[in-house]
Amino acid sequence: GHGTTFVRNDCKTFEFCRSKCHRNFNRKRNPRKMKWTKAFRKSAGKEMTVDTTFEFEKRRNRPVKYNRETMETTLRAMKKVSEIQTKRQDMFYKMRMRAHKTVQRDVIRAEIKRGIEILAPAAADKEKAIAIATKKITQRQKALESGKMKN
């Protein structure tokens, strides 16, 4: 169904989306240390925590009389807010990965420096192979040109 609700003795309610969350709560595990939780992703800086678009998602418990125009504008605003939010999340991800790329490049360069003696013969063979290939290509082109001249 729709998860379970746990009410503590001090009337604080906890809503769990699935039994996995409920079990971990009962085992007194810290959600900020469990890598699969939203709390971990936010505390580790993997998701946006502060953004103005989150204000639109808050619940408003004030009853409003139905009006077709306000409903249309609300729906248009919801669509626009979701577009803005996805763009911002994409930019956040790109900026986060940009820093990661420099770290990856440094790791790769260090690994190449460590194993350069393995790569040097392969690079020399590659140069020889390129030279042989270019020689064959020029020979084919000359053969084609001589064949055209005969006809």
N, C-alpha and C. Protein backbone atom coordinates (compact mmCIF):
# COMPACT_ATOMS: atom_id res chain seq x y z
N GLY A 1 0.76 -1.16 0.00
CA GLY A 1 0.00 0.00 0.00
C GLY A 1 0.82 1.25 0.00
N HIS A 2 0.67 2.01 1.09
CA HIS A 2 1.24 3.35 1.15
C HIS A 2 2.20 3.50 2.32
N GLY A 3 2.91 2.47 2.69
CA GLY A 3 3.88 2.56 3.78
C GLY A 3 3.23 2.41 5.13
N THR A 4 4.04 2.62 6.18
CA THR A 4 3.52 2.50 7.54
C THR A 4 3.83 3.76 8.31
N THR A 5 3.02 4.01 9.33
CA THR A 5 3.21 5.16 10.20
C THR A 5 3.48 4.66 11.60
N PHE A 6 4.51 5.23 12.23
CA PHE A 6 4.86 4.87 13.61
C PHE A 6 4.66 6.11 14.46
N VAL A 7 3.91 5.96 15.56
CA VAL A 7 3.67 7.07 16.47
C VAL A 7 4.38 6.78 17.77
N ARG A 8 5.32 7.66 18.13
CA ARG A 8 6.10 7.48 19.36
C ARG A 8 5.28 7.93 20.56
N ASN A 9 5.76 7.62 21.78
CA ASN A 9 5.03 7.97 23.00
C ASN A 9 4.82 9.47 23.16
N ASP A 10 5.72 10.28 22.60
CA ASP A 10 5.56 11.73 22.71
C ASP A 10 4.73 12.30 21.55
N CYS A 11 3.99 11.45 20.87
CA CYS A 11 3.08 11.81 19.78
C CYS A 11 3.78 12.28 18.51
N LYS A 12 5.09 12.04 18.39
CA LYS A 12 5.79 12.35 17.15
C LYS A 12 5.55 11.20 16.18
N THR A 13 5.14 11.55 14.96
CA THR A 13 4.84 10.52 13.97
C THR A 13 5.98 10.39 12.97
N PHE A 14 6.24 9.16 12.56
CA PHE A 14 7.24 8.84 11.55
C PHE A 14 6.56 8.04 10.46
N GLU A 15 6.70 8.48 9.22
CA GLU A 15 6.10 7.76 8.11
C GLU A 15 7.21 7.09 7.32
N PHE A 16 7.05 5.80 7.05
CA PHE A 16 8.04 5.01 6.33
C PHE A 16 7.46 4.56 5.00
N CYS A 17 8.24 4.71 3.95
CA CYS A 17 7.76 4.37 2.62
C CYS A 17 7.73 2.86 2.42
N ARG A 18 8.64 2.13 3.07
CA ARG A 18 8.69 0.67 2.93
C ARG A 18 9.26 0.06 4.20
N SER A 19 9.19 -1.25 4.29
CA SER A 19 9.60 -1.93 5.51
C SER A 19 11.10 -1.83 5.74
N LYS A 20 11.87 -1.66 4.68
CA LYS A 20 13.33 -1.48 4.80
C LYS A 20 13.64 -0.25 5.66
N CYS A 21 12.93 0.83 5.41
CA CYS A 21 13.13 2.06 6.19
C CYS A 21 12.70 1.85 7.63
N HIS A 22 11.59 1.18 7.82
CA HIS A 22 11.06 0.94 9.16
C HIS A 22 12.02 0.06 9.97
N ARG A 23 12.55 -1.00 9.36
CA ARG A 23 13.50 -1.87 10.05
C ARG A 23 14.76 -1.11 10.48
N ASN A 24 15.28 -0.27 9.58
CA ASN A 24 16.50 0.48 9.91
C ASN A 24 16.23 1.50 11.00
N PHE A 25 15.02 2.07 11.03
CA PHE A 25 14.65 2.99 12.11
C PHE A 25 14.61 2.24 13.43
N ASN A 26 14.02 1.05 13.43
CA ASN A 26 13.93 0.26 14.65
C ASN A 26 15.30 -0.17 15.15
N ARG A 27 16.24 -0.35 14.25
CA ARG A 27 17.61 -0.73 14.62
C ARG A 27 18.46 0.48 15.00
N LYS A 28 17.81 1.65 15.05
CA LYS A 28 18.44 2.91 15.45
C LYS A 28 19.64 3.27 14.57
N ARG A 29 19.50 3.03 13.28
CA ARG A 29 20.57 3.39 12.34
C ARG A 29 20.39 4.83 11.90
N ASN A 30 21.52 5.50 11.75
CA ASN A 30 21.50 6.90 11.35
C ASN A 30 21.28 6.99 9.84
N PRO A 31 20.21 7.63 9.39
CA PRO A 31 19.95 7.70 7.95
C PRO A 31 21.02 8.49 7.18
N ARG A 32 21.74 9.38 7.86
CA ARG A 32 22.79 10.14 7.17
C ARG A 32 24.02 9.28 6.87
N LYS A 33 24.09 8.09 7.49
CA LYS A 33 25.21 7.19 7.22
C LYS A 33 24.84 6.06 6.27
N MET A 34 23.56 5.88 6.00
CA MET A 34 23.11 4.85 5.07
C MET A 34 23.10 5.44 3.66
N LYS A 35 23.93 4.90 2.75
CA LYS A 35 24.17 5.53 1.46
C LYS A 35 22.94 5.58 0.55
N TRP A 36 21.94 4.76 0.78
CA TRP A 36 20.79 4.71 -0.11
C TRP A 36 19.71 5.71 0.27
N THR A 37 19.87 6.46 1.37
CA THR A 37 18.82 7.38 1.83
C THR A 37 18.97 8.76 1.23
N LYS A 38 17.86 9.49 1.19
CA LYS A 38 17.87 10.88 0.74
C LYS A 38 18.68 11.73 1.70
N ALA A 39 18.62 11.41 2.99
CA ALA A 39 19.36 12.18 4.00
C ALA A 39 20.86 12.10 3.73
N PHE A 40 21.35 10.92 3.35
CA PHE A 40 22.77 10.78 3.03
C PHE A 40 23.12 11.59 1.80
N ARG A 41 22.30 11.49 0.76
CA ARG A 41 22.61 12.19 -0.48
C ARG A 41 22.66 13.70 -0.27
N LYS A 42 21.77 14.22 0.57
CA LYS A 42 21.77 15.65 0.83
C LYS A 42 22.93 16.06 1.72
N SER A 43 23.23 15.27 2.76
CA SER A 43 24.31 15.63 3.67
C SER A 43 25.68 15.47 3.00
N ALA A 44 25.79 14.56 2.03
CA ALA A 44 27.06 14.34 1.33
C ALA A 44 27.25 15.31 0.17
N GLY A 45 26.23 16.16 -0.10
CA GLY A 45 26.33 17.14 -1.18
C GLY A 45 26.07 16.57 -2.55
N LYS A 46 25.37 15.44 -2.63
CA LYS A 46 25.08 14.82 -3.91
C LYS A 46 23.76 15.29 -4.50
N GLU A 47 22.94 15.95 -3.69
CA GLU A 47 21.69 16.51 -4.18
C GLU A 47 21.57 17.94 -3.70
N MET A 48 20.75 18.71 -4.42
CA MET A 48 20.54 20.10 -4.02
C MET A 48 19.77 20.14 -2.70
N THR A 49 20.23 21.02 -1.80
CA THR A 49 19.53 21.17 -0.53
C THR A 49 18.82 22.51 -0.43
N VAL A 50 19.40 23.52 -1.07
CA VAL A 50 18.82 24.86 -1.00
C VAL A 50 18.49 25.32 -2.41
N ASP A 51 17.21 25.57 -2.65
CA ASP A 51 16.78 26.08 -3.94
C ASP A 51 15.40 26.70 -3.75
N THR A 52 15.14 27.77 -4.49
CA THR A 52 13.85 28.45 -4.33
C THR A 52 12.69 27.63 -4.87
N THR A 53 12.98 26.69 -5.77
CA THR A 53 11.88 25.88 -6.33
C THR A 53 11.31 24.92 -5.29
N PHE A 54 12.06 24.63 -4.23
CA PHE A 54 11.54 23.75 -3.19
C PHE A 54 10.41 24.41 -2.40
N GLU A 55 10.35 25.73 -2.40
CA GLU A 55 9.28 26.44 -1.70
C GLU A 55 7.92 26.14 -2.33
N PHE A 56 7.91 25.90 -3.63
CA PHE A 56 6.64 25.63 -4.32
C PHE A 56 6.09 24.26 -3.98
N GLU A 57 6.95 23.34 -3.53
CA GLU A 57 6.51 21.98 -3.25
C GLU A 57 5.90 21.83 -1.86
N LYS A 58 6.02 22.85 -1.02
CA LYS A 58 5.48 22.76 0.34
C LYS A 58 3.96 22.69 0.30
N ARG A 59 3.40 22.00 1.26
CA ARG A 59 1.94 21.88 1.34
C ARG A 59 1.33 23.15 1.89
N ARG A 60 0.22 23.53 1.33
CA ARG A 60 -0.53 24.68 1.83
C ARG A 60 -1.92 24.17 2.22
N ASN A 61 -2.23 24.26 3.50
CA ASN A 61 -3.47 23.69 4.00
C ASN A 61 -4.58 24.73 4.10
N ARG A 62 -4.48 25.78 3.30
CA ARG A 62 -5.51 26.81 3.31
C ARG A 62 -6.50 26.50 2.20
N PRO A 63 -7.78 26.30 2.52
CA PRO A 63 -8.75 26.00 1.46
C PRO A 63 -8.99 27.23 0.57
N VAL A 64 -9.04 26.98 -0.73
CA VAL A 64 -9.26 28.06 -1.69
C VAL A 64 -10.47 27.70 -2.54
N LYS A 65 -11.34 28.67 -2.78
CA LYS A 65 -12.53 28.43 -3.59
C LYS A 65 -12.08 28.16 -5.03
N TYR A 66 -12.70 27.18 -5.66
CA TYR A 66 -12.31 26.79 -7.01
C TYR A 66 -12.60 27.92 -7.99
N ASN A 67 -11.59 28.19 -8.81
CA ASN A 67 -11.73 29.18 -9.87
C ASN A 67 -10.94 28.63 -11.07
N ARG A 68 -11.59 28.59 -12.21
CA ARG A 68 -10.96 27.97 -13.38
C ARG A 68 -9.67 28.68 -13.78
N GLU A 69 -9.66 30.02 -13.75
CA GLU A 69 -8.48 30.79 -14.16
C GLU A 69 -7.30 30.54 -13.23
N THR A 70 -7.57 30.56 -11.93
CA THR A 70 -6.47 30.31 -10.99
C THR A 70 -5.94 28.88 -11.13
N MET A 71 -6.83 27.95 -11.45
CA MET A 71 -6.41 26.57 -11.65
C MET A 71 -5.48 26.47 -12.87
N GLU A 72 -5.85 27.15 -13.96
CA GLU A 72 -5.02 27.13 -15.16
C GLU A 72 -3.65 27.76 -14.90
N THR A 73 -3.65 28.90 -14.23
CA THR A 73 -2.36 29.56 -13.95
C THR A 73 -1.51 28.72 -13.01
N THR A 74 -2.16 28.04 -12.06
CA THR A 74 -1.43 27.17 -11.14
C THR A 74 -0.79 26.01 -11.89
N LEU A 75 -1.53 25.40 -12.79
CA LEU A 75 -0.99 24.28 -13.57
C LEU A 75 0.17 24.73 -14.45
N ARG A 76 0.03 25.91 -15.08
CA ARG A 76 1.13 26.43 -15.90
C ARG A 76 2.35 26.72 -15.04
N ALA A 77 2.12 27.28 -13.86
CA ALA A 77 3.23 27.58 -12.95
C ALA A 77 3.91 26.30 -12.49
N MET A 78 3.11 25.26 -12.20
CA MET A 78 3.70 23.99 -11.76
C MET A 78 4.60 23.41 -12.85
N LYS A 79 4.14 23.48 -14.10
CA LYS A 79 4.94 22.96 -15.21
C LYS A 79 6.24 23.75 -15.35
N LYS A 80 6.15 25.08 -15.26
CA LYS A 80 7.33 25.93 -15.40
C LYS A 80 8.32 25.68 -14.26
N VAL A 81 7.81 25.55 -13.03
CA VAL A 81 8.67 25.29 -11.88
C VAL A 81 9.39 23.97 -12.03
N SER A 82 8.69 22.94 -12.53
CA SER A 82 9.34 21.64 -12.71
C SER A 82 10.43 21.72 -13.78
N GLU A 83 10.19 22.50 -14.85
CA GLU A 83 11.22 22.68 -15.87
C GLU A 83 12.46 23.37 -15.29
N ILE A 84 12.24 24.43 -14.53
CA ILE A 84 13.34 25.16 -13.91
C ILE A 84 14.11 24.24 -12.97
N GLN A 85 13.38 23.46 -12.20
CA GLN A 85 14.01 22.57 -11.23
C GLN A 85 14.87 21.51 -11.92
N THR A 86 14.38 20.93 -13.01
CA THR A 86 15.19 19.93 -13.72
C THR A 86 16.43 20.56 -14.32
N LYS A 87 16.32 21.78 -14.86
CA LYS A 87 17.49 22.47 -15.41
C LYS A 87 18.53 22.72 -14.31
N ARG A 88 18.06 23.16 -13.16
CA ARG A 88 18.98 23.44 -12.05
C ARG A 88 19.63 22.17 -11.54
N GLN A 89 18.87 21.08 -11.48
CA GLN A 89 19.45 19.81 -11.04
C GLN A 89 20.50 19.31 -12.02
N ASP A 90 20.23 19.49 -13.33
CA ASP A 90 21.21 19.09 -14.33
C ASP A 90 22.49 19.91 -14.20
N MET A 91 22.35 21.22 -13.99
CA MET A 91 23.53 22.07 -13.81
C MET A 91 24.29 21.69 -12.54
N PHE A 92 23.56 21.39 -11.48
CA PHE A 92 24.19 20.98 -10.22
C PHE A 92 25.00 19.71 -10.43
N TYR A 93 24.42 18.76 -11.17
CA TYR A 93 25.11 17.50 -11.45
C TYR A 93 26.36 17.74 -12.30
N LYS A 94 26.22 18.59 -13.34
CA LYS A 94 27.37 18.87 -14.20
C LYS A 94 28.51 19.52 -13.42
N MET A 95 28.17 20.46 -12.56
CA MET A 95 29.20 21.14 -11.76
C MET A 95 29.85 20.15 -10.79
N ARG A 96 29.07 19.24 -10.25
CA ARG A 96 29.62 18.25 -9.32
C ARG A 96 30.54 17.28 -10.06
N MET A 97 30.16 16.90 -11.26
CA MET A 97 30.98 15.98 -12.04
C MET A 97 32.21 16.65 -12.62
N ARG A 98 32.16 17.97 -12.83
CA ARG A 98 33.31 18.69 -13.36
C ARG A 98 34.49 18.57 -12.41
N ALA A 99 34.23 18.71 -11.13
CA ALA A 99 35.30 18.57 -10.14
C ALA A 99 35.80 17.13 -10.12
N HIS A 100 34.92 16.20 -10.32
CA HIS A 100 35.30 14.78 -10.32
C HIS A 100 36.17 14.44 -11.52
N LYS A 101 35.93 15.09 -12.67
CA LYS A 101 36.71 14.81 -13.87
C LYS A 101 38.17 15.16 -13.67
N THR A 102 38.46 16.28 -13.01
CA THR A 102 39.85 16.65 -12.79
C THR A 102 40.56 15.63 -11.91
N VAL A 103 39.85 15.14 -10.90
CA VAL A 103 40.42 14.10 -10.04
C VAL A 103 40.70 12.84 -10.85
N GLN A 104 39.75 12.45 -11.72
CA GLN A 104 39.94 11.27 -12.55
C GLN A 104 41.13 11.43 -13.48
N ARG A 105 41.28 12.61 -14.08
CA ARG A 105 42.42 12.85 -14.97
C ARG A 105 43.74 12.71 -14.22
N ASP A 106 43.80 13.26 -13.01
CA ASP A 106 45.02 13.15 -12.22
C ASP A 106 45.35 11.70 -11.91
N VAL A 107 44.33 10.91 -11.58
CA VAL A 107 44.54 9.49 -11.28
C VAL A 107 45.06 8.76 -12.52
N ILE A 108 44.47 9.05 -13.67
CA ILE A 108 44.89 8.40 -14.91
C ILE A 108 46.32 8.79 -15.27
N ARG A 109 46.66 10.07 -15.11
CA ARG A 109 48.03 10.51 -15.42
C ARG A 109 49.04 9.83 -14.49
N ALA A 110 48.70 9.71 -13.21
CA ALA A 110 49.60 9.04 -12.27
C ALA A 110 49.78 7.58 -12.65
N GLU A 111 48.69 6.94 -13.06
CA GLU A 111 48.77 5.52 -13.46
C GLU A 111 49.62 5.36 -14.71
N ILE A 112 49.52 6.28 -15.65
CA ILE A 112 50.34 6.23 -16.86
C ILE A 112 51.81 6.40 -16.50
N LYS A 113 52.11 7.32 -15.59
CA LYS A 113 53.51 7.53 -15.18
C LYS A 113 54.08 6.27 -14.55
N ARG A 114 53.27 5.58 -13.74
CA ARG A 114 53.74 4.35 -13.09
C ARG A 114 54.00 3.25 -14.11
N GLY A 115 53.17 3.15 -15.14
CA GLY A 115 53.29 2.05 -16.08
C GLY A 115 53.79 2.48 -17.44
N ILE A 116 54.61 3.53 -17.50
CA ILE A 116 55.07 4.05 -18.79
C ILE A 116 55.93 3.04 -19.54
N GLU A 117 56.68 2.20 -18.80
CA GLU A 117 57.53 1.22 -19.47
C GLU A 117 56.71 0.17 -20.21
N ILE A 118 55.49 -0.04 -19.78
CA ILE A 118 54.60 -0.98 -20.47
C ILE A 118 54.06 -0.33 -21.74
N LEU A 119 53.75 0.97 -21.65
CA LEU A 119 53.13 1.67 -22.77
C LEU A 119 54.13 2.08 -23.85
N ALA A 120 55.41 2.30 -23.50
CA ALA A 120 56.38 2.80 -24.47
C ALA A 120 56.55 1.86 -25.67
N PRO A 121 56.74 0.54 -25.48
CA PRO A 121 56.86 -0.33 -26.66
C PRO A 121 55.59 -0.34 -27.51
N ALA A 122 54.44 -0.30 -26.87
CA ALA A 122 53.18 -0.29 -27.62
C ALA A 122 53.08 0.98 -28.46
N ALA A 123 53.52 2.11 -27.91
CA ALA A 123 53.48 3.37 -28.66
C ALA A 123 54.44 3.31 -29.84
N ALA A 124 55.63 2.71 -29.65
CA ALA A 124 56.58 2.57 -30.74
C ALA A 124 56.00 1.68 -31.84
N ASP A 125 55.35 0.58 -31.45
CA ASP A 125 54.71 -0.30 -32.43
C ASP A 125 53.60 0.44 -33.17
N LYS A 126 52.89 1.31 -32.46
CA LYS A 126 51.81 2.07 -33.08
C LYS A 126 52.38 3.00 -34.16
N GLU A 127 53.51 3.63 -33.86
CA GLU A 127 54.13 4.51 -34.85
C GLU A 127 54.56 3.73 -36.07
N LYS A 128 55.12 2.54 -35.86
CA LYS A 128 55.50 1.69 -36.99
C LYS A 128 54.28 1.30 -37.81
N ALA A 129 53.20 0.94 -37.13
CA ALA A 129 51.97 0.54 -37.81
C ALA A 129 51.41 1.70 -38.62
N ILE A 130 51.47 2.90 -38.07
CA ILE A 130 50.97 4.08 -38.79
C ILE A 130 51.82 4.32 -40.03
N ALA A 131 53.13 4.18 -39.89
CA ALA A 131 54.02 4.38 -41.04
C ALA A 131 53.73 3.36 -42.14
N ILE A 132 53.55 2.09 -41.76
CA ILE A 132 53.25 1.04 -42.74
C ILE A 132 51.91 1.32 -43.42
N ALA A 133 50.91 1.75 -42.64
CA ALA A 133 49.59 2.03 -43.21
C ALA A 133 49.64 3.19 -44.19
N THR A 134 50.35 4.24 -43.84
CA THR A 134 50.45 5.38 -44.77
C THR A 134 51.18 4.98 -46.04
N LYS A 135 52.20 4.14 -45.92
CA LYS A 135 52.93 3.66 -47.10
C LYS A 135 52.01 2.87 -48.01
N LYS A 136 51.17 1.99 -47.43
CA LYS A 136 50.24 1.19 -48.23
C LYS A 136 49.21 2.07 -48.92
N ILE A 137 48.74 3.10 -48.20
CA ILE A 137 47.74 3.99 -48.79
C ILE A 137 48.32 4.73 -49.98
N THR A 138 49.55 5.23 -49.84
CA THR A 138 50.17 5.94 -50.96
C THR A 138 50.40 5.01 -52.14
N GLN A 139 50.78 3.76 -51.88
CA GLN A 139 50.97 2.78 -52.96
C GLN A 139 49.66 2.53 -53.69
N ARG A 140 48.55 2.40 -52.96
CA ARG A 140 47.24 2.18 -53.58
C ARG A 140 46.84 3.37 -54.45
N GLN A 141 47.09 4.58 -53.90
CA GLN A 141 46.73 5.77 -54.66
C GLN A 141 47.53 5.85 -55.97
N LYS A 142 48.82 5.51 -55.90
CA LYS A 142 49.65 5.53 -57.10
C LYS A 142 49.16 4.48 -58.10
N ALA A 143 48.79 3.31 -57.60
CA ALA A 143 48.28 2.25 -58.47
C ALA A 143 46.98 2.68 -59.16
N LEU A 144 46.09 3.34 -58.41
CA LEU A 144 44.84 3.82 -58.98
C LEU A 144 45.10 4.88 -60.05
N GLU A 145 46.02 5.79 -59.74
CA GLU A 145 46.33 6.84 -60.71
C GLU A 145 46.92 6.26 -61.98
N SER A 146 47.82 5.29 -61.86
CA SER A 146 48.43 4.67 -63.04
C SER A 146 47.37 3.89 -63.83
N GLY A 147 46.43 3.27 -63.17
CA GLY A 147 45.34 2.55 -63.83
C GLY A 147 44.45 3.51 -64.60
N LYS A 148 44.20 4.70 -64.06
CA LYS A 148 43.37 5.71 -64.74
C LYS A 148 44.08 6.25 -65.98
N MET A 149 45.40 6.39 -65.87
CA MET A 149 46.15 6.94 -67.00
C MET A 149 46.17 5.96 -68.18
N LYS A 150 46.20 4.66 -67.90
CA LYS A 150 46.22 3.66 -68.95
C LYS A 150 44.89 3.64 -69.72
N ASN A 151 43.78 3.88 -69.01
CA ASN A 151 42.46 3.87 -69.66
C ASN A 151 42.25 5.12 -70.37
